[in-house]
C-alpha atoms as a PDB file:
ATOM      1  CA  MET A   1     162.215 -18.392 185.638  1.00  0.00           C
ATOM      2  CA  ASN A   2     160.775 -21.714 186.680  1.00  0.00           C
ATOM      3  CA  ALA A   3     162.523 -23.819 189.280  1.00  0.00           C
ATOM      4  CA  ILE A   4     161.515 -27.037 187.508  1.00  0.00           C
ATOM      5  CA  GLU A   5     160.140 -27.681 184.027  1.00  0.00           C
ATOM      6  CA  THR A   6     159.290 -31.083 182.596  1.00  0.00           C
ATOM      7  CA  ARG A   7     157.674 -32.078 179.318  1.00  0.00           C
ATOM      8  CA  GLU A   8     156.163 -35.524 178.761  1.00  0.00           C
ATOM      9  CA  LEU A   9     158.653 -36.902 181.264  1.00  0.00           C
ATOM     10  CA  GLY A  10     158.558 -40.635 181.877  1.00  0.00           C
ATOM     11  CA  LYS A  11     160.542 -43.410 183.544  1.00  0.00           C
ATOM     12  CA  ARG A  12     160.070 -47.092 182.813  1.00  0.00           C
ATOM     13  CA  TYR A  13     161.502 -50.057 184.681  1.00  0.00           C
ATOM     14  CA  GLY A  14     161.161 -53.116 182.480  1.00  0.00           C
ATOM     15  CA  ARG A  15     157.563 -53.097 181.300  1.00  0.00           C
ATOM     16  CA  THR A  16     156.311 -50.916 184.164  1.00  0.00           C
ATOM     17  CA  TRP A  17     156.026 -47.136 183.946  1.00  0.00           C
ATOM     18  CA  ALA A  18     156.887 -45.546 187.300  1.00  0.00           C
ATOM     19  CA  LEU A  19     156.144 -42.104 185.864  1.00  0.00           C
ATOM     20  CA  GLN A  20     154.538 -41.171 182.554  1.00  0.00           C
ATOM     21  CA  ASP A  21     153.567 -38.043 180.592  1.00  0.00           C
ATOM     22  CA  CYS A  22     154.660 -35.730 183.419  1.00  0.00           C
ATOM     23  CA  THR A  23     154.483 -32.112 182.249  1.00  0.00           C
ATOM     24  CA  LEU A  24     155.090 -29.426 184.883  1.00  0.00           C
ATOM     25  CA  ALA A  25     156.231 -25.817 185.151  1.00  0.00           C
ATOM     26  CA  VAL A  26     156.910 -25.091 188.823  1.00  0.00           C
ATOM     27  CA  PRO A  27     157.652 -21.409 189.479  1.00  0.00           C
ATOM     28  CA  ALA A  28     160.771 -20.382 191.364  1.00  0.00           C
ATOM     29  CA  GLY A  29     160.612 -19.048 194.906  1.00  0.00           C
ATOM     30  CA  ARG A  30     157.828 -21.386 195.999  1.00  0.00           C
ATOM     31  CA  VAL A  31     157.611 -24.125 198.621  1.00  0.00           C
ATOM     32  CA  VAL A  32     156.088 -27.006 196.676  1.00  0.00           C
ATOM     33  CA  ALA A  33     154.333 -29.999 198.235  1.00  0.00           C
ATOM     34  CA  LEU A  34     154.706 -33.240 196.256  1.00  0.00           C
ATOM     35  CA  VAL A  35     152.028 -35.683 197.387  1.00  0.00           C
ATOM     36  CA  GLY A  36     150.829 -39.098 196.305  1.00  0.00           C
ATOM     37  CA  PRO A  37     150.317 -42.664 197.528  1.00  0.00           C
ATOM     38  CA  ASN A  38     153.173 -45.150 197.675  1.00  0.00           C
ATOM     39  CA  GLY A  39     154.184 -46.127 194.154  1.00  0.00           C
ATOM     40  CA  ALA A  40     152.789 -42.939 192.587  1.00  0.00           C
ATOM     41  CA  GLY A  41     156.187 -41.926 191.193  1.00  0.00           C
ATOM     42  CA  LYS A  42     157.275 -39.263 193.703  1.00  0.00           C
ATOM     43  CA  SER A  43     160.788 -40.576 194.400  1.00  0.00           C
ATOM     44  CA  THR A  44     161.223 -41.403 190.719  1.00  0.00           C
ATOM     45  CA  LEU A  45     160.476 -37.787 189.791  1.00  0.00           C
ATOM     46  CA  LEU A  46     162.792 -36.411 192.486  1.00  0.00           C
ATOM     47  CA  HIS A  47     165.643 -38.685 191.450  1.00  0.00           C
ATOM     48  CA  MET A  48     165.359 -37.484 187.854  1.00  0.00           C
ATOM     49  CA  ILE A  49     165.308 -33.849 188.973  1.00  0.00           C
ATOM     50  CA  VAL A  50     168.594 -34.230 190.875  1.00  0.00           C
ATOM     51  CA  GLY A  51     170.232 -36.375 188.186  1.00  0.00           C
ATOM     52  CA  LEU A  52     170.302 -39.699 190.032  1.00  0.00           C
ATOM     53  CA  SER A  53     168.146 -41.320 187.361  1.00  0.00           C
ATOM     54  CA  ALA A  54     167.829 -40.701 183.627  1.00  0.00           C
ATOM     55  CA  PRO A  55     164.361 -40.411 182.065  1.00  0.00           C
ATOM     56  CA  THR A  56     163.122 -42.997 179.605  1.00  0.00           C
ATOM     57  CA  GLN A  57     161.300 -40.294 177.676  1.00  0.00           C
ATOM     58  CA  GLY A  58     160.679 -36.572 177.766  1.00  0.00           C
ATOM     59  CA  ASP A  59     162.703 -33.543 178.865  1.00  0.00           C
ATOM     60  CA  ILE A  60     163.543 -31.866 182.150  1.00  0.00           C
ATOM     61  CA  ALA A  61     165.259 -28.586 183.057  1.00  0.00           C
ATOM     62  CA  ILE A  62     165.931 -26.991 186.429  1.00  0.00           C
ATOM     63  CA  LEU A  63     166.537 -23.372 187.413  1.00  0.00           C
ATOM     64  CA  GLY A  64     165.770 -22.195 183.923  1.00  0.00           C
ATOM     65  CA  SER A  65     167.929 -24.274 181.603  1.00  0.00           C
ATOM     66  CA  LEU A  66     170.194 -26.580 183.608  1.00  0.00           C
ATOM     67  CA  ALA A  67     170.428 -30.293 182.909  1.00  0.00           C
ATOM     68  CA  PRO A  68     169.944 -32.474 185.998  1.00  0.00           C
ATOM     69  CA  GLY A  69     173.266 -33.838 187.229  1.00  0.00           C
ATOM     70  CA  SER A  70     175.349 -31.262 185.373  1.00  0.00           C
ATOM     71  CA  ALA A  71     178.166 -29.493 187.215  1.00  0.00           C
ATOM     72  CA  ASP A  72     176.184 -26.257 187.469  1.00  0.00           C
ATOM     73  CA  ALA A  73     173.116 -28.088 188.709  1.00  0.00           C
ATOM     74  CA  LEU A  74     175.085 -29.991 191.363  1.00  0.00           C
ATOM     75  CA  ASN A  75     176.399 -26.686 192.707  1.00  0.00           C
ATOM     76  CA  ARG A  76     172.957 -25.049 192.802  1.00  0.00           C
ATOM     77  CA  VAL A  77     170.664 -27.878 193.921  1.00  0.00           C
ATOM     78  CA  GLY A  78     170.503 -29.427 197.395  1.00  0.00           C
ATOM     79  CA  PHE A  79     169.030 -32.864 198.060  1.00  0.00           C
ATOM     80  CA  VAL A  80     167.983 -34.554 201.292  1.00  0.00           C
ATOM     81  CA  ALA A  81     167.109 -38.140 200.387  1.00  0.00           C
ATOM     82  CA  GLN A  82     164.544 -40.382 202.033  1.00  0.00           C
ATOM     83  CA  ASP A  83     165.647 -41.415 205.562  1.00  0.00           C
ATOM     84  CA  THR A  84     168.280 -38.590 205.411  1.00  0.00           C
ATOM     85  CA  PRO A  85     171.246 -40.967 204.907  1.00  0.00           C
ATOM     86  CA  LEU A  86     174.509 -39.938 206.577  1.00  0.00           C
ATOM     87  CA  TYR A  87     177.536 -41.973 207.618  1.00  0.00           C
ATOM     88  CA  PRO A  88     176.599 -43.266 211.105  1.00  0.00           C
ATOM     89  CA  ASN A  89     180.203 -43.853 212.259  1.00  0.00           C
ATOM     90  CA  LEU A  90     181.306 -40.282 211.554  1.00  0.00           C
ATOM     91  CA  SER A  91     180.923 -37.547 214.127  1.00  0.00           C
ATOM     92  CA  VAL A  92     178.872 -34.501 213.204  1.00  0.00           C
ATOM     93  CA  ALA A  93     182.100 -32.485 212.889  1.00  0.00           C
ATOM     94  CA  ASP A  94     183.638 -35.104 210.579  1.00  0.00           C
ATOM     95  CA  THR A  95     180.467 -35.056 208.502  1.00  0.00           C
ATOM     96  CA  LEU A  96     180.825 -31.309 208.036  1.00  0.00           C
ATOM     97  CA  ARG A  97     184.489 -31.681 207.050  1.00  0.00           C
ATOM     98  CA  LEU A  98     183.606 -34.389 204.528  1.00  0.00           C
ATOM     99  CA  VAL A  99     180.949 -32.249 202.857  1.00  0.00           C
ATOM    100  CA  ALA A 100     183.277 -29.226 202.891  1.00  0.00           C
ATOM    101  CA  SER A 101     185.805 -31.160 200.802  1.00  0.00           C
ATOM    102  CA  LEU A 102     183.143 -31.858 198.178  1.00  0.00           C
ATOM    103  CA  SER A 103     181.279 -28.538 198.037  1.00  0.00           C
ATOM    104  CA  PRO A 104     182.803 -25.392 196.485  1.00  0.00           C
ATOM    105  CA  GLN A 105     180.120 -23.181 198.057  1.00  0.00           C
ATOM    106  CA  TRP A 106     180.376 -24.708 201.536  1.00  0.00           C
ATOM    107  CA  ASP A 107     179.564 -22.330 204.403  1.00  0.00           C
ATOM    108  CA  GLU A 108     181.001 -23.868 207.578  1.00  0.00           C
ATOM    109  CA  PRO A 109     179.875 -21.065 209.942  1.00  0.00           C
ATOM    110  CA  ASN A 110     176.337 -21.423 208.608  1.00  0.00           C
ATOM    111  CA  ALA A 111     176.211 -25.166 209.348  1.00  0.00           C
ATOM    112  CA  ARG A 112     177.789 -24.813 212.795  1.00  0.00           C
ATOM    113  CA  ALA A 113     175.436 -21.969 213.750  1.00  0.00           C
ATOM    114  CA  ARG A 114     172.354 -23.991 212.777  1.00  0.00           C
ATOM    115  CA  LEU A 115     173.510 -27.010 214.751  1.00  0.00           C
ATOM    116  CA  ALA A 116     174.477 -24.887 217.766  1.00  0.00           C
ATOM    117  CA  ASP A 117     170.986 -23.336 217.801  1.00  0.00           C
ATOM    118  CA  LEU A 118     169.590 -26.876 218.007  1.00  0.00           C
ATOM    119  CA  ASP A 119     172.053 -27.989 220.723  1.00  0.00           C
ATOM    120  CA  ILE A 120     173.412 -30.787 218.513  1.00  0.00           C
ATOM    121  CA  PRO A 121     176.973 -31.599 219.683  1.00  0.00           C
ATOM    122  CA  LEU A 122     179.574 -31.735 216.935  1.00  0.00           C
ATOM    123  CA  SER A 123     181.491 -34.469 218.740  1.00  0.00           C
ATOM    124  CA  ARG A 124     178.628 -36.973 218.750  1.00  0.00           C
ATOM    125  CA  LYS A 125     178.531 -39.727 216.130  1.00  0.00           C
ATOM    126  CA  VAL A 126     175.711 -39.392 213.645  1.00  0.00           C
ATOM    127  CA  GLY A 127     174.537 -42.921 214.449  1.00  0.00           C
ATOM    128  CA  LYS A 128     173.968 -41.891 218.076  1.00  0.00           C
ATOM    129  CA  LEU A 129     171.699 -38.965 217.240  1.00  0.00           C
ATOM    130  CA  SER A 130     167.938 -39.058 217.652  1.00  0.00           C
ATOM    131  CA  GLY A 131     165.813 -39.199 214.510  1.00  0.00           C
ATOM    132  CA  GLY A 132     165.036 -35.496 214.747  1.00  0.00           C
ATOM    133  CA  GLN A 133     168.687 -34.554 215.262  1.00  0.00           C
ATOM    134  CA  HIS A 134     169.735 -36.776 212.353  1.00  0.00           C
ATOM    135  CA  ALA A 135     167.250 -35.009 210.061  1.00  0.00           C
ATOM    136  CA  GLN A 136     168.399 -31.603 211.278  1.00  0.00           C
ATOM    137  CA  VAL A 137     172.053 -32.431 210.510  1.00  0.00           C
ATOM    138  CA  ALA A 138     171.088 -33.508 206.987  1.00  0.00           C
ATOM    139  CA  LEU A 139     169.124 -30.275 206.513  1.00  0.00           C
ATOM    140  CA  ALA A 140     171.969 -28.135 207.905  1.00  0.00           C
ATOM    141  CA  VAL A 141     174.429 -29.820 205.526  1.00  0.00           C
ATOM    142  CA  ALA A 142     172.146 -29.187 202.551  1.00  0.00           C
ATOM    143  CA  LEU A 143     171.466 -25.549 203.463  1.00  0.00           C
ATOM    144  CA  ALA A 144     175.134 -24.729 204.150  1.00  0.00           C
ATOM    145  CA  ARG A 145     175.795 -25.321 200.446  1.00  0.00           C
ATOM    146  CA  HIS A 146     173.453 -22.359 199.733  1.00  0.00           C
ATOM    147  CA  PRO A 147     171.333 -24.121 197.103  1.00  0.00           C
ATOM    148  CA  GLU A 148     168.893 -22.221 194.926  1.00  0.00           C
ATOM    149  CA  LEU A 149     166.641 -25.286 194.777  1.00  0.00           C
ATOM    150  CA  LEU A 150     166.264 -27.718 197.683  1.00  0.00           C
ATOM    151  CA  ILE A 151     164.758 -31.181 197.094  1.00  0.00           C
ATOM    152  CA  LEU A 152     163.468 -33.095 200.139  1.00  0.00           C
ATOM    153  CA  ASP A 153     162.259 -36.701 199.792  1.00  0.00           C
ATOM    154  CA  GLU A 154     160.136 -37.719 202.813  1.00  0.00           C
ATOM    155  CA  PRO A 155     162.526 -36.113 205.318  1.00  0.00           C
ATOM    156  CA  VAL A 156     160.067 -36.222 208.242  1.00  0.00           C
ATOM    157  CA  ALA A 157     158.462 -39.618 207.609  1.00  0.00           C
ATOM    158  CA  ARG A 158     159.937 -41.266 210.722  1.00  0.00           C
ATOM    159  CA  LEU A 159     159.968 -38.257 213.031  1.00  0.00           C
ATOM    160  CA  ASP A 160     157.675 -37.702 215.990  1.00  0.00           C
ATOM    161  CA  PRO A 161     155.335 -34.666 215.885  1.00  0.00           C
ATOM    162  CA  LEU A 162     157.678 -32.374 217.849  1.00  0.00           C
ATOM    163  CA  ALA A 163     160.689 -33.289 215.696  1.00  0.00           C
ATOM    164  CA  ARG A 164     158.600 -32.739 212.539  1.00  0.00           C
ATOM    165  CA  HIS A 165     157.566 -29.320 213.790  1.00  0.00           C
ATOM    166  CA  ASP A 166     161.157 -28.343 214.575  1.00  0.00           C
ATOM    167  CA  PHE A 167     162.376 -29.578 211.182  1.00  0.00           C
ATOM    168  CA  MET A 168     159.708 -27.608 209.329  1.00  0.00           C
ATOM    169  CA  ALA A 169     160.440 -24.498 211.400  1.00  0.00           C
ATOM    170  CA  ALA A 170     164.135 -24.717 210.489  1.00  0.00           C
ATOM    171  CA  LEU A 171     163.250 -25.191 206.824  1.00  0.00           C
ATOM    172  CA  MET A 172     160.914 -22.199 206.721  1.00  0.00           C
ATOM    173  CA  ALA A 173     163.479 -20.000 208.468  1.00  0.00           C
ATOM    174  CA  ALA A 174     165.951 -20.879 205.702  1.00  0.00           C
ATOM    175  CA  VAL A 175     163.358 -20.128 203.023  1.00  0.00           C
ATOM    176  CA  ALA A 176     162.681 -16.729 204.594  1.00  0.00           C
ATOM    177  CA  ASP A 177     166.387 -15.934 204.959  1.00  0.00           C
ATOM    178  CA  ASP A 178     167.683 -17.173 201.598  1.00  0.00           C
ATOM    179  CA  GLY A 179     164.644 -17.144 199.294  1.00  0.00           C
ATOM    180  CA  ILE A 180     165.306 -20.656 198.006  1.00  0.00           C
ATOM    181  CA  SER A 181     162.849 -22.791 196.054  1.00  0.00           C
ATOM    182  CA  VAL A 182     161.811 -26.018 197.800  1.00  0.00           C
ATOM    183  CA  LEU A 183     160.222 -29.225 196.527  1.00  0.00           C
ATOM    184  CA  LEU A 184     159.090 -31.316 199.482  1.00  0.00           C
ATOM    185  CA  SER A 185     157.703 -34.842 199.197  1.00  0.00           C
ATOM    186  CA  SER A 186     155.728 -36.020 202.217  1.00  0.00           C
ATOM    187  CA  HIS A 187     152.755 -38.078 203.360  1.00  0.00           C
ATOM    188  CA  VAL A 188     152.156 -35.746 206.324  1.00  0.00           C
ATOM    189  CA  VAL A 189     149.656 -33.440 204.633  1.00  0.00           C
ATOM    190  CA  ALA A 190     148.853 -31.507 207.820  1.00  0.00           C
ATOM    191  CA  GLU A 191     152.484 -30.356 207.992  1.00  0.00           C
ATOM    192  CA  LEU A 192     152.519 -29.420 204.320  1.00  0.00           C
ATOM    193  CA  GLU A 193     149.498 -27.154 204.714  1.00  0.00           C
ATOM    194  CA  ARG A 194     151.440 -25.067 207.213  1.00  0.00           C
ATOM    195  CA  VAL A 195     154.481 -24.465 205.004  1.00  0.00           C
ATOM    196  CA  CYS A 196     153.700 -25.066 201.308  1.00  0.00           C
ATOM    197  CA  ASP A 197     152.159 -22.631 198.824  1.00  0.00           C
ATOM    198  CA  TYR A 198     152.189 -24.809 195.688  1.00  0.00           C
ATOM    199  CA  LEU A 199     150.878 -28.348 195.203  1.00  0.00           C
ATOM    200  CA  VAL A 200     151.669 -31.261 192.909  1.00  0.00           C
ATOM    201  CA  VAL A 201     149.754 -34.524 193.341  1.00  0.00           C
ATOM    202  CA  LEU A 202     150.849 -37.695 191.551  1.00  0.00           C
ATOM    203  CA  ALA A 203     148.596 -40.722 191.116  1.00  0.00           C
ATOM    204  CA  ARG A 204     149.354 -43.914 189.220  1.00  0.00           C
ATOM    205  CA  GLY A 205     152.509 -42.408 187.773  1.00  0.00           C
ATOM    206  CA  ARG A 206     150.800 -39.318 186.332  1.00  0.00           C
ATOM    207  CA  VAL A 207     150.239 -35.723 187.402  1.00  0.00           C
ATOM    208  CA  GLN A 208     146.757 -35.465 188.907  1.00  0.00           C
ATOM    209  CA  VAL A 209     146.701 -32.015 190.540  1.00  0.00           C
ATOM    210  CA  VAL A 210     149.011 -29.028 190.164  1.00  0.00           C
ATOM    211  CA  GLY A 211     148.677 -25.385 191.101  1.00  0.00           C
ATOM    212  CA  ASP A 212     148.815 -22.643 193.685  1.00  0.00           C
ATOM    213  CA  VAL A 213     147.509 -23.923 197.037  1.00  0.00           C
ATOM    214  CA  ASP A 214     145.301 -20.891 197.725  1.00  0.00           C
ATOM    215  CA  GLU A 215     143.775 -21.002 194.246  1.00  0.00           C
ATOM    216  CA  LEU A 216     143.097 -24.731 194.476  1.00  0.00           C
ATOM    217  CA  VAL A 217     141.531 -24.466 197.928  1.00  0.00           C
ATOM    218  CA  ASP A 218     139.440 -21.426 196.908  1.00  0.00           C
ATOM    219  CA  GLY A 219     138.239 -23.299 193.824  1.00  0.00           C
ATOM    220  CA  HIS A 220     136.722 -26.138 195.859  1.00  0.00           C
ATOM    221  CA  ARG A 221     133.942 -26.279 198.438  1.00  0.00           C
ATOM    222  CA  ILE A 222     132.416 -28.848 200.764  1.00  0.00           C
ATOM    223  CA  LEU A 223     128.667 -29.330 200.406  1.00  0.00           C
ATOM    224  CA  THR A 224     126.613 -31.187 202.999  1.00  0.00           C
ATOM    225  CA  GLY A 225     123.014 -32.244 202.453  1.00  0.00           C
ATOM    226  CA  PRO A 226     120.455 -35.076 202.452  1.00  0.00           C
ATOM    227  CA  THR A 227     121.564 -38.343 200.889  1.00  0.00           C
ATOM    228  CA  VAL A 228     118.241 -38.756 199.065  1.00  0.00           C
ATOM    229  CA  GLU A 229     119.177 -35.716 196.946  1.00  0.00           C
ATOM    230  CA  ALA A 230     122.848 -36.610 196.473  1.00  0.00           C
ATOM    231  CA  ASP A 231     122.535 -38.158 193.013  1.00  0.00           C
ATOM    232  CA  ALA A 232     120.574 -35.217 191.628  1.00  0.00           C
ATOM    233  CA  VAL A 233     122.977 -32.685 193.143  1.00  0.00           C
ATOM    234  CA  SER A 234     126.042 -34.584 191.892  1.00  0.00           C
ATOM    235  CA  ALA A 235     124.649 -34.506 188.369  1.00  0.00           C
ATOM    236  CA  GLN A 236     124.584 -30.683 188.463  1.00  0.00           C
ATOM    237  CA  LEU A 237     128.065 -30.119 189.962  1.00  0.00           C
ATOM    238  CA  ASP A 238     131.675 -31.053 189.341  1.00  0.00           C
ATOM    239  CA  VAL A 239     132.120 -33.546 192.176  1.00  0.00           C
ATOM    240  CA  VAL A 240     135.629 -34.671 193.141  1.00  0.00           C
ATOM    241  CA  GLY A 241     134.759 -36.917 196.075  1.00  0.00           C
ATOM    242  CA  GLU A 242     131.929 -37.865 198.365  1.00  0.00           C
ATOM    243  CA  ARG A 243     131.169 -39.502 201.707  1.00  0.00           C
ATOM    244  CA  ARG A 244     127.668 -40.937 202.030  1.00  0.00           C
ATOM    245  CA  ALA A 245     125.759 -42.027 205.122  1.00  0.00           C
ATOM    246  CA  ASP A 246     122.117 -43.061 205.443  1.00  0.00           C
ATOM    247  CA  ARG A 247     120.845 -39.527 205.912  1.00  0.00           C
ATOM    248  CA  GLN A 248     123.641 -37.159 205.043  1.00  0.00           C
ATOM    249  CA  THR A 249     126.165 -36.857 202.218  1.00  0.00           C
ATOM    250  CA  VAL A 250     129.307 -34.740 202.084  1.00  0.00           C
ATOM    251  CA  LEU A 251     130.586 -33.700 198.648  1.00  0.00           C
ATOM    252  CA  LEU A 252     133.824 -31.984 197.651  1.00  0.00           C
ATOM    253  CA  VAL A 253     133.077 -30.003 194.491  1.00  0.00           C
ATOM    254  CA  ARG A 254     134.939 -27.699 192.135  1.00  0.00           C
ATOM    255  CA  THR A 255     133.155 -24.363 192.159  1.00  0.00           C
ATOM    256  CA  THR A 256     134.716 -22.353 189.325  1.00  0.00           C
ATOM    257  CA  GLY A 257     132.073 -21.649 186.717  1.00  0.00           C
ATOM    258  CA  ARG A 258     129.656 -24.197 188.162  1.00  0.00           C
ATOM    259  CA  ALA A 259     126.059 -24.016 189.333  1.00  0.00           C
ATOM    260  CA  ALA A 260     125.003 -22.318 192.567  1.00  0.00           C
ATOM    261  CA  VAL A 261     124.686 -24.248 195.827  1.00  0.00           C
ATOM    262  CA  PRO A 262     121.439 -26.258 195.823  1.00  0.00           C
ATOM    263  CA  ARG A 263     118.742 -25.152 198.217  1.00  0.00           C
ATOM    264  CA  GLY A 264     118.853 -27.065 201.482  1.00  0.00           C
ATOM    265  CA  TRP A 265     122.567 -27.846 201.223  1.00  0.00           C
ATOM    266  CA  GLN A 266     125.232 -26.282 203.395  1.00  0.00           C
ATOM    267  CA  GLU A 267     128.429 -24.913 201.850  1.00  0.00           C
ATOM    268  CA  GLU A 268     131.761 -24.744 203.705  1.00  0.00           C
ATOM    269  CA  PRO A 269     135.335 -23.939 202.685  1.00  0.00           C
ATOM    270  CA  THR A 270     137.730 -26.854 202.341  1.00  0.00           C
ATOM    271  CA  ASN A 271     141.410 -27.144 203.294  1.00  0.00           C
ATOM    272  CA  LEU A 272     144.502 -28.669 201.746  1.00  0.00           C
ATOM    273  CA  GLU A 273     144.253 -31.974 203.606  1.00  0.00           C
ATOM    274  CA  GLU A 274     140.616 -32.549 202.640  1.00  0.00           C
ATOM    275  CA  LEU A 275     141.356 -31.597 199.039  1.00  0.00           C
ATOM    276  CA  VAL A 276     144.385 -33.893 198.722  1.00  0.00           C
ATOM    277  CA  LEU A 277     142.644 -36.861 200.334  1.00  0.00           C
ATOM    278  CA  SER A 278     139.601 -36.469 198.102  1.00  0.00           C
ATOM    279  CA  TYR A 279     141.718 -36.488 194.948  1.00  0.00           C
ATOM    280  CA  LEU A 280     143.783 -39.438 196.159  1.00  0.00           C
ATOM    281  CA  ARG A 281     140.544 -41.383 196.691  1.00  0.00           C
ATOM    282  CA  ALA A 282     139.475 -40.495 193.127  1.00  0.00           C
ATOM    283  CA  PRO A 283     142.545 -40.970 190.902  1.00  0.00           C
ATOM    284  CA  GLN A 284     140.399 -40.499 187.799  1.00  0.00           C
ATOM    285  CA  ALA A 285     139.732 -36.878 188.823  1.00  0.00           C
ATOM    286  CA  SER A 286     142.219 -34.102 188.101  1.00  0.00           C
ATOM    287  CA  ALA A 287     142.815 -30.395 188.609  1.00  0.00           C
ATOM    288  CA  LEU A 288     145.542 -29.063 186.348  1.00  0.00           C
ATOM    289  CA  PRO A 289     145.463 -25.258 186.185  1.00  0.00           C
ATOM    290  CA  GLY A 290     149.204 -24.916 186.838  1.00  0.00           C
ATOM    291  CA  PRO A 291     151.233 -21.780 186.078  1.00  0.00           C
ATOM    292  CA  SER A 292     151.318 -20.056 182.726  1.00  0.00           C
ATOM    293  CA  GLY A 293     152.657 -22.550 180.206  1.00  0.00           C
ATOM    294  CA  GLN A 294     156.223 -22.097 179.019  1.00  0.00           C
ATOM    295  CA  ALA A 295     158.032 -23.958 176.292  1.00  0.00           C
ATOM    296  CA  LEU A 296     160.818 -26.091 177.751  1.00  0.00           C
ATOM    297  CA  ARG A 297     164.116 -24.527 176.745  1.00  0.00           C
ATOM    298  CA  ARG A 298     167.123 -26.510 175.614  1.00  0.00           C
ATOM    299  CA  VAL A 299     168.978 -27.582 178.748  1.00  0.00           C
ATOM    300  CA  SER A 300     172.674 -26.888 179.223  1.00  0.00           C
ATOM    301  CA  ALA A 301     175.012 -29.693 180.191  1.00  0.00           C
END
């Protein structure tokens, strides 16, 4: 079963396409990084997945065959929106009671235990919490509903490095304990490399890169050599991005099925951050191996 499947999905606002021709099959049980520059369509895609926005074209199914926004989907999908919005005038305890009244699968002991481990007082108003505490309350609320799929839209964007680390640690503990699927949108690529095992990159409203993180990283290499030879070397290889100086050029290349490393050039492994940044600098390039293709099934309302 795939956690998320889309086929030719698109969303248009007026004459502008925020997302177009988005076809994905994201396997269940993975922690998926959703990356792209501002305006790439990340929030648009997430809002359609959770049923907050209807597509202009195409199809989408979650957790096998569920329609976004359906009753079954609402019970099985958790969502932490950008800036983790909560009612600032409610105490943490009142926030838990409010969510309990709306969630049939609510697990109060689970939420209280998570917050106690983080020393977040239930009596304090949400508006008086630090940014890291605010994000942790939103995560605890989402996880206490025991979702099968958790959607996170830039949850750590405004957090300091320590708060980001603590948030990610809490998220990964929940993944290990409950085996949930996670789709995490973030600009902080260094944090994503530590926790994510699947990657989706959007650029200009289209899918640019998708696939298993290890396979993508293993399929690319960094080559360093003399700039005077850079044009000739680039003509022989599948170059994604380059950085040129007077004497030395650094190339990120796809290696699968390509020519051997040229003599006099040094080859090094890449990492997720270098790979993502190179593709974002070259929106015309793409890497779309993805999982095994599956026909999108009819979704159930």
